[in-house]
Amino acid sequence: MENQLIPPPDLAPPGVKHLPLAMRIELWRNLVDSCEALLLAGLRSRIGPEGDLQLAYRDRYARQMLEHERAQIQFLANLSQRESRDGD
């Protein structure tokens, strides 16, 4: 196993394919809830106990959406540039 990047199948984490759909959905919902709890805890630690958590959440979301929008614009600009180069 030395120098292996991918572990052998016997060490792989268990899958969920054997679980009923309702249980898989429940697991996903629990994961999303846990991630949100971690995010809120991180925000709370930054703003302190007296800070406005809802405002911090909205600000973080707005920044995230701006970054996403910039990335999309950059992606489309690159794609357009490549297409115009290939079309000449």
Protein backbone atom coordinates (compact mmCIF):
# COMPACT_ATOMS: atom_id res chain seq x y z
CA MET A 1 0.00 0.00 0.00
CA GLU A 2 3.03 2.26 0.13
CA ASN A 3 2.93 5.15 -2.37
CA GLN A 4 -0.74 4.49 -3.19
CA LEU A 5 -2.98 7.50 -3.60
CA ILE A 6 -6.21 5.52 -3.70
CA PRO A 7 -6.84 3.08 -0.85
CA PRO A 8 -7.78 -0.50 -1.66
CA PRO A 9 -11.52 -1.29 -1.86
CA ASP A 10 -11.54 -3.01 1.52
CA LEU A 11 -10.57 0.32 3.16
CA ALA A 12 -13.12 2.41 1.25
CA PRO A 13 -15.90 4.05 3.23
CA PRO A 14 -19.26 2.25 3.06
CA GLY A 15 -21.62 3.30 0.30
CA VAL A 16 -25.27 4.19 0.61
CA LYS A 17 -26.68 2.41 -2.42
CA HIS A 18 -28.06 -0.36 -0.22
CA LEU A 19 -30.11 2.14 1.82
CA PRO A 20 -33.68 3.06 0.90
CA LEU A 21 -34.15 6.41 -0.83
CA ALA A 22 -35.83 7.95 2.21
CA MET A 23 -32.78 7.11 4.36
CA ARG A 24 -30.39 8.58 1.77
CA ILE A 25 -32.42 11.78 1.69
CA GLU A 26 -32.36 11.91 5.48
CA LEU A 27 -28.58 11.47 5.49
CA TRP A 28 -28.22 14.28 2.95
CA ARG A 29 -30.48 16.55 4.99
CA ASN A 30 -28.44 15.84 8.12
CA LEU A 31 -25.25 16.67 6.23
CA VAL A 32 -26.67 19.98 4.99
CA ASP A 33 -27.90 20.85 8.49
CA SER A 34 -24.50 20.00 9.98
CA CYS A 35 -22.69 22.16 7.41
CA GLU A 36 -25.01 25.07 8.14
CA ALA A 37 -24.45 24.65 11.88
CA LEU A 38 -20.67 24.77 11.32
CA LEU A 39 -21.03 27.88 9.15
CA LEU A 40 -23.18 29.61 11.76
CA ALA A 41 -20.75 28.66 14.52
CA GLY A 42 -17.87 30.10 12.49
CA LEU A 43 -19.78 33.32 11.88
CA ARG A 44 -20.74 33.54 15.55
CA SER A 45 -17.09 33.18 16.56
CA ARG A 46 -16.16 36.06 14.24
CA ILE A 47 -18.88 38.48 15.29
CA GLY A 48 -19.00 37.59 18.98
CA PRO A 49 -22.00 36.92 21.18
CA GLU A 50 -23.46 40.41 20.71
CA GLY A 51 -23.14 40.50 16.91
CA ASP A 52 -26.05 40.21 14.49
CA LEU A 53 -25.85 36.64 13.18
CA GLN A 54 -28.53 37.12 10.51
CA LEU A 55 -26.74 40.18 9.15
CA ALA A 56 -23.41 38.33 9.13
CA TYR A 57 -25.05 35.42 7.28
CA ARG A 58 -26.60 37.74 4.68
CA ASP A 59 -23.30 39.58 4.18
CA ARG A 60 -21.41 36.32 3.74
CA TYR A 61 -24.00 35.07 1.25
CA ALA A 62 -23.88 38.33 -0.72
CA ARG A 63 -20.06 38.15 -0.92
CA GLN A 64 -20.24 34.52 -1.99
CA MET A 65 -22.73 35.33 -4.75
CA LEU A 66 -20.57 38.22 -5.99
CA GLU A 67 -17.56 35.92 -6.17
CA HIS A 68 -19.64 33.32 -8.00
CA GLU A 69 -20.92 35.93 -10.45
CA ARG A 70 -17.37 37.15 -11.14
CA ALA A 71 -16.22 33.59 -11.74
CA GLN A 72 -19.10 32.99 -14.16
CA ILE A 73 -18.36 36.21 -16.06
CA GLN A 74 -14.68 35.26 -16.29
CA PHE A 75 -15.59 31.77 -17.48
CA LEU A 76 -17.91 33.13 -20.18
CA ALA A 77 -15.33 35.69 -21.28
CA ASN A 78 -12.71 32.94 -21.62
CA LEU A 79 -15.16 30.72 -23.48
CA SER A 80 -16.11 33.52 -25.85
CA GLN A 81 -12.48 34.32 -26.50
CA ARG A 82 -11.69 30.67 -27.27
CA GLU A 83 -14.69 30.34 -29.56
CA SER A 84 -13.77 33.46 -31.52
CA ARG A 85 -10.16 32.23 -31.88
CA ASP A 86 -11.32 28.84 -33.11
CA GLY A 87 -13.80 30.41 -35.52
CA ASP A 88 -11.23 32.53 -37.37
